[in-house]
Amino acid sequence: MTTTVTITGTGVPHLSPGRAGPGVLVRHGDVALQFDAGRATALRLTRPCTCPPGLPVCVCGHGSSPFVRHPAKAITPGEEERQRNPRSRSARLRGLKRTNRDA
């Protein structure tokens, strides 16, 4: 069984349209886990089509995405956590869930 680690996203410290934040994809056997995925990475993985947004009709043929957001919105720290740790106010936890849909 092999383990591979892949850096995903660009890691650019400033915001840039079309660029995902840095993340790490770890694959061990047939299990794949994405760590530290920013908002752009989650949006890209849940997007069903890879066509440019300006096209009126999908021409890429990808169909639906095999991922859905789970939970639907990002989880943020509660008031008690923010009181104990002021730096946590910028923390967001986003999750993706693989569905049985083929991509």
PDB file of N, CA and C in Angstrom:
ATOM      1  N   MET A   1       0.845  -1.164   0.000  1.00  0.00           N
ATOM      2  CA  MET A   1       0.000   0.000   0.000  1.00  0.00           C
ATOM      3  C   MET A   1       0.899   1.239   0.000  1.00  0.00           C
ATOM      4  N   THR A   2       0.606   2.168  -0.891  1.00  0.00           N
ATOM      5  CA  THR A   2       1.436   3.373  -0.997  1.00  0.00           C
ATOM      6  C   THR A   2       0.706   4.587  -0.457  1.00  0.00           C
ATOM      7  N   THR A   3       1.495   5.557  -0.015  1.00  0.00           N
ATOM      8  CA  THR A   3       0.963   6.835   0.455  1.00  0.00           C
ATOM      9  C   THR A   3       1.583   7.941  -0.374  1.00  0.00           C
ATOM     10  N   THR A   4       0.746   8.822  -0.915  1.00  0.00           N
ATOM     11  CA  THR A   4       1.252   9.974  -1.666  1.00  0.00           C
ATOM     12  C   THR A   4       0.703  11.245  -1.046  1.00  0.00           C
ATOM     13  N   VAL A   5       1.510  12.301  -1.090  1.00  0.00           N
ATOM     14  CA  VAL A   5       1.115  13.608  -0.583  1.00  0.00           C
ATOM     15  C   VAL A   5       1.243  14.600  -1.728  1.00  0.00           C
ATOM     16  N   THR A   6       0.171  15.348  -2.018  1.00  0.00           N
ATOM     17  CA  THR A   6       0.152  16.313  -3.112  1.00  0.00           C
ATOM     18  C   THR A   6      -0.258  17.667  -2.572  1.00  0.00           C
ATOM     19  N   ILE A   7       0.516  18.701  -2.905  1.00  0.00           N
ATOM     20  CA  ILE A   7       0.144  20.064  -2.534  1.00  0.00           C
ATOM     21  C   ILE A   7      -0.868  20.551  -3.565  1.00  0.00           C
ATOM     22  N   THR A   8      -2.024  21.021  -3.101  1.00  0.00           N
ATOM     23  CA  THR A   8      -3.055  21.509  -4.011  1.00  0.00           C
ATOM     24  C   THR A   8      -3.219  23.010  -3.829  1.00  0.00           C
ATOM     25  N   GLY A   9      -3.743  23.673  -4.813  1.00  0.00           N
ATOM     26  CA  GLY A   9      -3.910  25.123  -4.749  1.00  0.00           C
ATOM     27  C   GLY A   9      -2.608  25.829  -5.089  1.00  0.00           C
ATOM     28  N   THR A  10      -2.589  27.123  -4.916  1.00  0.00           N
ATOM     29  CA  THR A  10      -1.436  27.921  -5.325  1.00  0.00           C
ATOM     30  C   THR A  10      -0.572  28.384  -4.174  1.00  0.00           C
ATOM     31  N   GLY A  11      -1.160  28.555  -3.022  1.00  0.00           N
ATOM     32  CA  GLY A  11      -0.392  29.038  -1.895  1.00  0.00           C
ATOM     33  C   GLY A  11      -0.056  30.513  -1.976  1.00  0.00           C
ATOM     34  N   VAL A  12      -0.694  31.241  -2.883  1.00  0.00           N
ATOM     35  CA  VAL A  12      -0.441  32.670  -3.025  1.00  0.00           C
ATOM     36  C   VAL A  12      -1.067  33.383  -1.832  1.00  0.00           C
ATOM     37  N   PRO A  13      -0.315  34.216  -1.122  1.00  0.00           N
ATOM     38  CA  PRO A  13      -0.873  34.842   0.075  1.00  0.00           C
ATOM     39  C   PRO A  13      -1.959  35.886  -0.193  1.00  0.00           C
ATOM     40  N   HIS A  14      -2.017  36.451  -1.382  1.00  0.00           N
ATOM     41  CA  HIS A  14      -3.050  37.439  -1.672  1.00  0.00           C
ATOM     42  C   HIS A  14      -4.177  36.798  -2.479  1.00  0.00           C
ATOM     43  N   LEU A  15      -5.373  37.353  -2.366  1.00  0.00           N
ATOM     44  CA  LEU A  15      -6.526  36.802  -3.064  1.00  0.00           C
ATOM     45  C   LEU A  15      -6.404  37.024  -4.560  1.00  0.00           C
ATOM     46  N   SER A  16      -6.736  36.020  -5.328  1.00  0.00           N
ATOM     47  CA  SER A  16      -6.689  36.112  -6.772  1.00  0.00           C
ATOM     48  C   SER A  16      -7.840  35.283  -7.339  1.00  0.00           C
ATOM     49  N   PRO A  17      -8.684  35.864  -8.185  1.00  0.00           N
ATOM     50  CA  PRO A  17      -9.814  35.109  -8.740  1.00  0.00           C
ATOM     51  C   PRO A  17      -9.338  33.874  -9.501  1.00  0.00           C
ATOM     52  N   GLY A  18     -10.044  32.781  -9.310  1.00  0.00           N
ATOM     53  CA  GLY A  18      -9.715  31.562 -10.032  1.00  0.00           C
ATOM     54  C   GLY A  18      -8.615  30.731  -9.402  1.00  0.00           C
ATOM     55  N   ARG A  19      -8.051  31.176  -8.285  1.00  0.00           N
ATOM     56  CA  ARG A  19      -6.992  30.414  -7.626  1.00  0.00           C
ATOM     57  C   ARG A  19      -7.501  29.873  -6.301  1.00  0.00           C
ATOM     58  N   ALA A  20      -7.221  28.604  -6.072  1.00  0.00           N
ATOM     59  CA  ALA A  20      -7.617  27.990  -4.808  1.00  0.00           C
ATOM     60  C   ALA A  20      -6.540  28.262  -3.764  1.00  0.00           C
ATOM     61  N   GLY A  21      -6.934  28.257  -2.506  1.00  0.00           N
ATOM     62  CA  GLY A  21      -5.956  28.393  -1.433  1.00  0.00           C
ATOM     63  C   GLY A  21      -5.135  27.119  -1.312  1.00  0.00           C
ATOM     64  N   PRO A  22      -4.035  27.173  -0.572  1.00  0.00           N
ATOM     65  CA  PRO A  22      -3.190  25.989  -0.455  1.00  0.00           C
ATOM     66  C   PRO A  22      -3.892  24.894   0.334  1.00  0.00           C
ATOM     67  N   GLY A  23      -3.581  23.681   0.001  1.00  0.00           N
ATOM     68  CA  GLY A  23      -4.133  22.531   0.699  1.00  0.00           C
ATOM     69  C   GLY A  23      -3.226  21.340   0.475  1.00  0.00           C
ATOM     70  N   VAL A  24      -3.513  20.231   1.133  1.00  0.00           N
ATOM     71  CA  VAL A  24      -2.717  19.015   1.006  1.00  0.00           C
ATOM     72  C   VAL A  24      -3.658  17.843   0.759  1.00  0.00           C
ATOM     73  N   LEU A  25      -3.400  17.095  -0.302  1.00  0.00           N
ATOM     74  CA  LEU A  25      -4.165  15.890  -0.609  1.00  0.00           C
ATOM     75  C   LEU A  25      -3.306  14.687  -0.234  1.00  0.00           C
ATOM     76  N   VAL A  26      -3.803  13.851   0.676  1.00  0.00           N
ATOM     77  CA  VAL A  26      -3.081  12.651   1.105  1.00  0.00           C
ATOM     78  C   VAL A  26      -3.870  11.444   0.637  1.00  0.00           C
ATOM     79  N   ARG A  27      -3.188  10.561  -0.114  1.00  0.00           N
ATOM     80  CA  ARG A  27      -3.810   9.316  -0.577  1.00  0.00           C
ATOM     81  C   ARG A  27      -3.049   8.149   0.028  1.00  0.00           C
ATOM     82  N   HIS A  28      -3.797   7.248   0.651  1.00  0.00           N
ATOM     83  CA  HIS A  28      -3.217   6.029   1.209  1.00  0.00           C
ATOM     84  C   HIS A  28      -4.085   4.874   0.738  1.00  0.00           C
ATOM     85  N   GLY A  29      -3.557   4.085  -0.165  1.00  0.00           N
ATOM     86  CA  GLY A  29      -4.362   3.037  -0.772  1.00  0.00           C
ATOM     87  C   GLY A  29      -5.496   3.659  -1.562  1.00  0.00           C
ATOM     88  N   ASP A  30      -6.729   3.264  -1.269  1.00  0.00           N
ATOM     89  CA  ASP A  30      -7.865   3.841  -1.982  1.00  0.00           C
ATOM     90  C   ASP A  30      -8.609   4.891  -1.146  1.00  0.00           C
ATOM     91  N   VAL A  31      -7.955   5.427  -0.112  1.00  0.00           N
ATOM     92  CA  VAL A  31      -8.530   6.495   0.709  1.00  0.00           C
ATOM     93  C   VAL A  31      -7.823   7.801   0.372  1.00  0.00           C
ATOM     94  N   ALA A  32      -8.582   8.847   0.080  1.00  0.00           N
ATOM     95  CA  ALA A  32      -8.013  10.163  -0.229  1.00  0.00           C
ATOM     96  C   ALA A  32      -8.624  11.189   0.718  1.00  0.00           C
ATOM     97  N   LEU A  33      -7.760  11.986   1.373  1.00  0.00           N
ATOM     98  CA  LEU A  33      -8.203  13.021   2.294  1.00  0.00           C
ATOM     99  C   LEU A  33      -7.592  14.355   1.897  1.00  0.00           C
ATOM    100  N   GLN A  34      -8.405  15.399   1.834  1.00  0.00           N
ATOM    101  CA  GLN A  34      -7.936  16.753   1.513  1.00  0.00           C
ATOM    102  C   GLN A  34      -7.896  17.545   2.808  1.00  0.00           C
ATOM    103  N   PHE A  35      -6.731  18.111   3.135  1.00  0.00           N
ATOM    104  CA  PHE A  35      -6.563  18.888   4.361  1.00  0.00           C
ATOM    105  C   PHE A  35      -6.326  20.348   4.024  1.00  0.00           C
ATOM    106  N   ASP A  36      -6.798  21.211   4.879  1.00  0.00           N
ATOM    107  CA  ASP A  36      -6.600  22.653   4.775  1.00  0.00           C
ATOM    108  C   ASP A  36      -7.078  23.184   3.427  1.00  0.00           C
ATOM    109  N   ALA A  37      -8.215  22.690   2.997  1.00  0.00           N
ATOM    110  CA  ALA A  37      -8.787  23.160   1.734  1.00  0.00           C
ATOM    111  C   ALA A  37      -9.495  24.479   1.977  1.00  0.00           C
ATOM    112  N   GLY A  38      -9.137  25.493   1.256  1.00  0.00           N
ATOM    113  CA  GLY A  38      -9.790  26.789   1.382  1.00  0.00           C
ATOM    114  C   GLY A  38     -11.137  26.794   0.686  1.00  0.00           C
ATOM    115  N   ARG A  39     -11.809  27.908   0.752  1.00  0.00           N
ATOM    116  CA  ARG A  39     -13.142  28.037   0.172  1.00  0.00           C
ATOM    117  C   ARG A  39     -13.126  27.752  -1.326  1.00  0.00           C
ATOM    118  N   ALA A  40     -12.113  28.238  -2.028  1.00  0.00           N
ATOM    119  CA  ALA A  40     -12.056  28.045  -3.479  1.00  0.00           C
ATOM    120  C   ALA A  40     -11.904  26.571  -3.853  1.00  0.00           C
ATOM    121  N   THR A  41     -11.136  25.810  -3.071  1.00  0.00           N
ATOM    122  CA  THR A  41     -10.979  24.384  -3.344  1.00  0.00           C
ATOM    123  C   THR A  41     -12.311  23.670  -3.177  1.00  0.00           C
ATOM    124  N   ALA A  42     -13.044  23.975  -2.112  1.00  0.00           N
ATOM    125  CA  ALA A  42     -14.346  23.351  -1.892  1.00  0.00           C
ATOM    126  C   ALA A  42     -15.318  23.708  -3.007  1.00  0.00           C
ATOM    127  N   LEU A  43     -15.312  24.964  -3.442  1.00  0.00           N
ATOM    128  CA  LEU A  43     -16.194  25.377  -4.527  1.00  0.00           C
ATOM    129  C   LEU A  43     -15.851  24.654  -5.822  1.00  0.00           C
ATOM    130  N   ARG A  44     -14.549  24.513  -6.107  1.00  0.00           N
ATOM    131  CA  ARG A  44     -14.134  23.848  -7.329  1.00  0.00           C
ATOM    132  C   ARG A  44     -14.512  22.367  -7.320  1.00  0.00           C
ATOM    133  N   LEU A  45     -14.373  21.700  -6.175  1.00  0.00           N
ATOM    134  CA  LEU A  45     -14.705  20.282  -6.102  1.00  0.00           C
ATOM    135  C   LEU A  45     -16.201  20.013  -6.193  1.00  0.00           C
ATOM    136  N   THR A  46     -17.028  20.954  -5.731  1.00  0.00           N
ATOM    137  CA  THR A  46     -18.478  20.745  -5.779  1.00  0.00           C
ATOM    138  C   THR A  46     -19.105  21.261  -7.065  1.00  0.00           C
ATOM    139  N   ARG A  47     -18.320  21.943  -7.867  1.00  0.00           N
ATOM    140  CA  ARG A  47     -18.840  22.478  -9.134  1.00  0.00           C
ATOM    141  C   ARG A  47     -18.990  21.337 -10.137  1.00  0.00           C
ATOM    142  N   PRO A  48     -20.165  21.138 -10.673  1.00  0.00           N
ATOM    143  CA  PRO A  48     -20.389  19.992 -11.544  1.00  0.00           C
ATOM    144  C   PRO A  48     -19.709  20.086 -12.902  1.00  0.00           C
ATOM    145  N   CYS A  49     -19.392  21.259 -13.357  1.00  0.00           N
ATOM    146  CA  CYS A  49     -18.910  21.439 -14.724  1.00  0.00           C
ATOM    147  C   CYS A  49     -17.642  22.287 -14.717  1.00  0.00           C
ATOM    148  N   THR A  50     -16.746  22.037 -15.663  1.00  0.00           N
ATOM    149  CA  THR A  50     -15.493  22.788 -15.729  1.00  0.00           C
ATOM    150  C   THR A  50     -15.478  23.815 -16.857  1.00  0.00           C
ATOM    151  N   CYS A  51     -16.628  24.043 -17.471  1.00  0.00           N
ATOM    152  CA  CYS A  51     -16.710  25.035 -18.546  1.00  0.00           C
ATOM    153  C   CYS A  51     -16.522  26.447 -17.979  1.00  0.00           C
ATOM    154  N   PRO A  52     -16.021  27.382 -18.774  1.00  0.00           N
ATOM    155  CA  PRO A  52     -15.939  28.772 -18.311  1.00  0.00           C
ATOM    156  C   PRO A  52     -17.331  29.280 -17.937  1.00  0.00           C
ATOM    157  N   PRO A  53     -17.431  30.083 -16.884  1.00  0.00           N
ATOM    158  CA  PRO A  53     -18.747  30.532 -16.409  1.00  0.00           C
ATOM    159  C   PRO A  53     -19.573  31.280 -17.449  1.00  0.00           C
ATOM    160  N   GLY A  54     -18.960  31.910 -18.457  1.00  0.00           N
ATOM    161  CA  GLY A  54     -19.702  32.686 -19.437  1.00  0.00           C
ATOM    162  C   GLY A  54     -20.425  31.866 -20.492  1.00  0.00           C
ATOM    163  N   LEU A  55     -20.127  30.575 -20.623  1.00  0.00           N
ATOM    164  CA  LEU A  55     -20.784  29.760 -21.649  1.00  0.00           C
ATOM    165  C   LEU A  55     -22.240  29.495 -21.268  1.00  0.00           C
ATOM    166  N   PRO A  56     -23.161  29.639 -22.237  1.00  0.00           N
ATOM    167  CA  PRO A  56     -24.575  29.413 -21.922  1.00  0.00           C
ATOM    168  C   PRO A  56     -24.936  27.936 -21.769  1.00  0.00           C
ATOM    169  N   VAL A  57     -24.145  27.024 -22.361  1.00  0.00           N
ATOM    170  CA  VAL A  57     -24.440  25.595 -22.336  1.00  0.00           C
ATOM    171  C   VAL A  57     -23.175  24.840 -21.947  1.00  0.00           C
ATOM    172  N   CYS A  58     -23.313  23.777 -21.153  1.00  0.00           N
ATOM    173  CA  CYS A  58     -22.176  22.951 -20.753  1.00  0.00           C
ATOM    174  C   CYS A  58     -21.683  22.142 -21.954  1.00  0.00           C
ATOM    175  N   VAL A  59     -20.384  22.246 -22.232  1.00  0.00           N
ATOM    176  CA  VAL A  59     -19.794  21.490 -23.338  1.00  0.00           C
ATOM    177  C   VAL A  59     -18.694  20.548 -22.860  1.00  0.00           C
ATOM    178  N   CYS A  60     -18.420  20.538 -21.554  1.00  0.00           N
ATOM    179  CA  CYS A  60     -17.308  19.720 -21.052  1.00  0.00           C
ATOM    180  C   CYS A  60     -17.705  18.258 -20.865  1.00  0.00           C
ATOM    181  N   GLY A  61     -18.996  17.986 -20.668  1.00  0.00           N
ATOM    182  CA  GLY A  61     -19.460  16.612 -20.522  1.00  0.00           C
ATOM    183  C   GLY A  61     -19.177  15.985 -19.164  1.00  0.00           C
ATOM    184  N   HIS A  62     -18.809  16.778 -18.134  1.00  0.00           N
ATOM    185  CA  HIS A  62     -18.507  16.212 -16.830  1.00  0.00           C
ATOM    186  C   HIS A  62     -19.741  15.811 -16.038  1.00  0.00           C
ATOM    187  N   GLY A  63     -20.866  16.368 -16.361  1.00  0.00           N
ATOM    188  CA  GLY A  63     -22.073  16.023 -15.620  1.00  0.00           C
ATOM    189  C   GLY A  63     -22.036  16.582 -14.216  1.00  0.00           C
ATOM    190  N   SER A  64     -22.570  15.838 -13.256  1.00  0.00           N
ATOM    191  CA  SER A  64     -22.640  16.331 -11.882  1.00  0.00           C
ATOM    192  C   SER A  64     -21.377  15.971 -11.102  1.00  0.00           C
ATOM    193  N   SER A  65     -21.110  16.737 -10.065  1.00  0.00           N
ATOM    194  CA  SER A  65     -19.943  16.521  -9.219  1.00  0.00           C
ATOM    195  C   SER A  65     -20.200  15.368  -8.253  1.00  0.00           C
ATOM    196  N   PRO A  66     -19.167  14.559  -7.946  1.00  0.00           N
ATOM    197  CA  PRO A  66     -19.356  13.487  -6.968  1.00  0.00           C
ATOM    198  C   PRO A  66     -19.287  13.986  -5.526  1.00  0.00           C
ATOM    199  N   PHE A  67     -19.141  15.311  -5.317  1.00  0.00           N
ATOM    200  CA  PHE A  67     -19.033  15.875  -3.977  1.00  0.00           C
ATOM    201  C   PHE A  67     -20.194  16.810  -3.678  1.00  0.00           C
ATOM    202  N   VAL A  68     -20.617  16.834  -2.432  1.00  0.00           N
ATOM    203  CA  VAL A  68     -21.572  17.819  -1.941  1.00  0.00           C
ATOM    204  C   VAL A  68     -20.988  18.421  -0.669  1.00  0.00           C
ATOM    205  N   ARG A  69     -21.381  19.647  -0.369  1.00  0.00           N
ATOM    206  CA  ARG A  69     -20.922  20.266   0.872  1.00  0.00           C
ATOM    207  C   ARG A  69     -21.625  19.600   2.046  1.00  0.00           C
ATOM    208  N   HIS A  70     -20.844  19.269   3.070  1.00  0.00           N
ATOM    209  CA  HIS A  70     -21.423  18.639   4.260  1.00  0.00           C
ATOM    210  C   HIS A  70     -20.629  19.071   5.476  1.00  0.00           C
ATOM    211  N   PRO A  71     -21.126  19.883   6.335  1.00  0.00           N
ATOM    212  CA  PRO A  71     -22.436  20.507   6.326  1.00  0.00           C
ATOM    213  C   PRO A  71     -22.546  21.567   5.234  1.00  0.00           C
ATOM    214  N   ALA A  72     -23.747  22.034   4.970  1.00  0.00           N
ATOM    215  CA  ALA A  72     -23.984  22.959   3.864  1.00  0.00           C
ATOM    216  C   ALA A  72     -23.240  24.283   4.025  1.00  0.00           C
ATOM    217  N   LYS A  73     -23.072  24.758   5.251  1.00  0.00           N
ATOM    218  CA  LYS A  73     -22.368  26.012   5.503  1.00  0.00           C
ATOM    219  C   LYS A  73     -21.131  25.735   6.356  1.00  0.00           C
ATOM    220  N   ALA A  74     -20.161  26.627   6.277  1.00  0.00           N
ATOM    221  CA  ALA A  74     -18.949  26.493   7.082  1.00  0.00           C
ATOM    222  C   ALA A  74     -19.287  26.629   8.567  1.00  0.00           C
ATOM    223  N   ILE A  75     -18.588  25.862   9.384  1.00  0.00           N
ATOM    224  CA  ILE A  75     -18.777  25.932  10.834  1.00  0.00           C
ATOM    225  C   ILE A  75     -17.776  26.934  11.395  1.00  0.00           C
ATOM    226  N   THR A  76     -18.248  27.845  12.219  1.00  0.00           N
ATOM    227  CA  THR A  76     -17.385  28.867  12.820  1.00  0.00           C
ATOM    228  C   THR A  76     -17.341  28.654  14.330  1.00  0.00           C
ATOM    229  N   PRO A  77     -16.304  29.154  14.984  1.00  0.00           N
ATOM    230  CA  PRO A  77     -16.206  28.971  16.430  1.00  0.00           C
ATOM    231  C   PRO A  77     -17.321  29.727  17.167  1.00  0.00           C
ATOM    232  N   GLY A  78     -17.733  29.172  18.286  1.00  0.00           N
ATOM    233  CA  GLY A  78     -18.772  29.802  19.093  1.00  0.00           C
ATOM    234  C   GLY A  78     -18.216  30.954  19.920  1.00  0.00           C
ATOM    235  N   GLU A  79     -19.098  31.634  20.594  1.00  0.00           N
ATOM    236  CA  GLU A  79     -18.705  32.797  21.400  1.00  0.00           C
ATOM    237  C   GLU A  79     -17.715  32.420  22.496  1.00  0.00           C
ATOM    238  N   GLU A  80     -17.933  31.284  23.143  1.00  0.00           N
ATOM    239  CA  GLU A  80     -17.023  30.857  24.218  1.00  0.00           C
ATOM    240  C   GLU A  80     -15.605  30.625  23.682  1.00  0.00           C
ATOM    241  N   GLU A  81     -15.491  29.970  22.527  1.00  0.00           N
ATOM    242  CA  GLU A  81     -14.170  29.735  21.928  1.00  0.00           C
ATOM    243  C   GLU A  81     -13.510  31.055  21.545  1.00  0.00           C
ATOM    244  N   ARG A  82     -14.278  31.987  20.995  1.00  0.00           N
ATOM    245  CA  ARG A  82     -13.702  33.286  20.611  1.00  0.00           C
ATOM    246  C   ARG A  82     -13.229  34.073  21.831  1.00  0.00           C
ATOM    247  N   GLN A  83     -13.916  33.911  22.970  1.00  0.00           N
ATOM    248  CA  GLN A  83     -13.485  34.577  24.197  1.00  0.00           C
ATOM    249  C   GLN A  83     -12.156  33.997  24.690  1.00  0.00           C
ATOM    250  N   ARG A  84     -12.034  32.663  24.649  1.00  0.00           N
ATOM    251  CA  ARG A  84     -10.801  32.010  25.103  1.00  0.00           C
ATOM    252  C   ARG A  84      -9.655  32.207  24.124  1.00  0.00           C
ATOM    253  N   ASN A  85      -9.970  32.247  22.823  1.00  0.00           N
ATOM    254  CA  ASN A  85      -8.932  32.320  21.800  1.00  0.00           C
ATOM    255  C   ASN A  85      -9.369  33.331  20.732  1.00  0.00           C
ATOM    256  N   PRO A  86      -9.003  34.610  20.868  1.00  0.00           N
ATOM    257  CA  PRO A  86      -9.444  35.638  19.916  1.00  0.00           C
ATOM    258  C   PRO A  86      -9.034  35.360  18.470  1.00  0.00           C
ATOM    259  N   ARG A  87      -7.936  34.654  18.263  1.00  0.00           N
ATOM    260  CA  ARG A  87      -7.500  34.369  16.882  1.00  0.00           C
ATOM    261  C   ARG A  87      -8.421  33.387  16.177  1.00  0.00           C
ATOM    262  N   SER A  88      -9.262  32.692  16.909  1.00  0.00           N
ATOM    263  CA  SER A  88     -10.156  31.704  16.296  1.00  0.00           C
ATOM    264  C   SER A  88     -11.291  32.348  15.515  1.00  0.00           C
ATOM    265  N   ARG A  89     -11.476  33.657  15.627  1.00  0.00           N
ATOM    266  CA  ARG A  89     -12.611  34.303  14.954  1.00  0.00           C
ATOM    267  C   ARG A  89     -12.543  34.164  13.433  1.00  0.00           C
ATOM    268  N   SER A  90     -11.352  33.929  12.875  1.00  0.00           N
ATOM    269  CA  SER A  90     -11.238  33.774  11.423  1.00  0.00           C
ATOM    270  C   SER A  90     -11.291  32.308  10.982  1.00  0.00           C
ATOM    271  N   ALA A  91     -11.418  31.375  11.927  1.00  0.00           N
ATOM    272  CA  ALA A  91     -11.415  29.943  11.587  1.00  0.00           C
ATOM    273  C   ALA A  91     -12.734  29.533  10.937  1.00  0.00           C
ATOM    274  N   ARG A  92     -12.639  28.673   9.926  1.00  0.00           N
ATOM    275  CA  ARG A  92     -13.807  28.108   9.256  1.00  0.00           C
ATOM    276  C   ARG A  92     -13.549  26.627   9.024  1.00  0.00           C
ATOM    277  N   LEU A  93     -14.540  25.802   9.274  1.00  0.00           N
ATOM    278  CA  LEU A  93     -14.438  24.377   9.002  1.00  0.00           C
ATOM    279  C   LEU A  93     -15.425  24.041   7.903  1.00  0.00           C
ATOM    280  N   ARG A  94     -14.902  23.575   6.773  1.00  0.00           N
ATOM    281  CA  ARG A  94     -15.741  23.191   5.641  1.00  0.00           C
ATOM    282  C   ARG A  94     -15.553  21.707   5.379  1.00  0.00           C
ATOM    283  N   GLY A  95     -16.630  21.039   5.036  1.00  0.00           N
ATOM    284  CA  GLY A  95     -16.542  19.616   4.757  1.00  0.00           C
ATOM    285  C   GLY A  95     -17.158  19.280   3.414  1.00  0.00           C
ATOM    286  N   LEU A  96     -16.625  18.243   2.798  1.00  0.00           N
ATOM    287  CA  LEU A  96     -17.181  17.709   1.557  1.00  0.00           C
ATOM    288  C   LEU A  96     -17.478  16.237   1.774  1.00  0.00           C
ATOM    289  N   LYS A  97     -18.519  15.775   1.151  1.00  0.00           N
ATOM    290  CA  LYS A  97     -18.909  14.385   1.259  1.00  0.00           C
ATOM    291  C   LYS A  97     -19.024  13.805  -0.137  1.00  0.00           C
ATOM    292  N   ARG A  98     -18.391  12.670  -0.354  1.00  0.00           N
ATOM    293  CA  ARG A  98     -18.487  12.014  -1.661  1.00  0.00           C
ATOM    294  C   ARG A  98     -19.830  11.299  -1.755  1.00  0.00           C
ATOM    295  N   THR A  99     -20.485  11.485  -2.882  1.00  0.00           N
ATOM    296  CA  THR A  99     -21.764  10.813  -3.127  1.00  0.00           C
ATOM    297  C   THR A  99     -21.513   9.654  -4.078  1.00  0.00           C
ATOM    298  N   ASN A 100     -22.537   8.937  -4.405  1.00  0.00           N
ATOM    299  CA  ASN A 100     -22.394   7.801  -5.327  1.00  0.00           C
ATOM    300  C   ASN A 100     -22.492   8.215  -6.789  1.00  0.00           C
ATOM    301  N   ARG A 101     -22.633   9.528  -7.017  1.00  0.00           N
ATOM    302  CA  ARG A 101     -22.733  10.005  -8.400  1.00  0.00           C
ATOM    303  C   ARG A 101     -21.376   9.889  -9.084  1.00  0.00           C
ATOM    304  N   ASP A 102     -21.369   9.469 -10.323  1.00  0.00           N
ATOM    305  CA  ASP A 102     -20.121   9.394 -11.093  1.00  0.00           C
ATOM    306  C   ASP A 102     -19.781  10.766 -11.647  1.00  0.00           C
ATOM    307  N   ALA A 103     -18.481  11.085 -11.654  1.00  0.00           N
ATOM    308  CA  ALA A 103     -18.050  12.386 -12.190  1.00  0.00           C
ATOM    309  C   ALA A 103     -17.554  12.222 -13.590  1.00  0.00           C
TER     310      ALA A 103
END
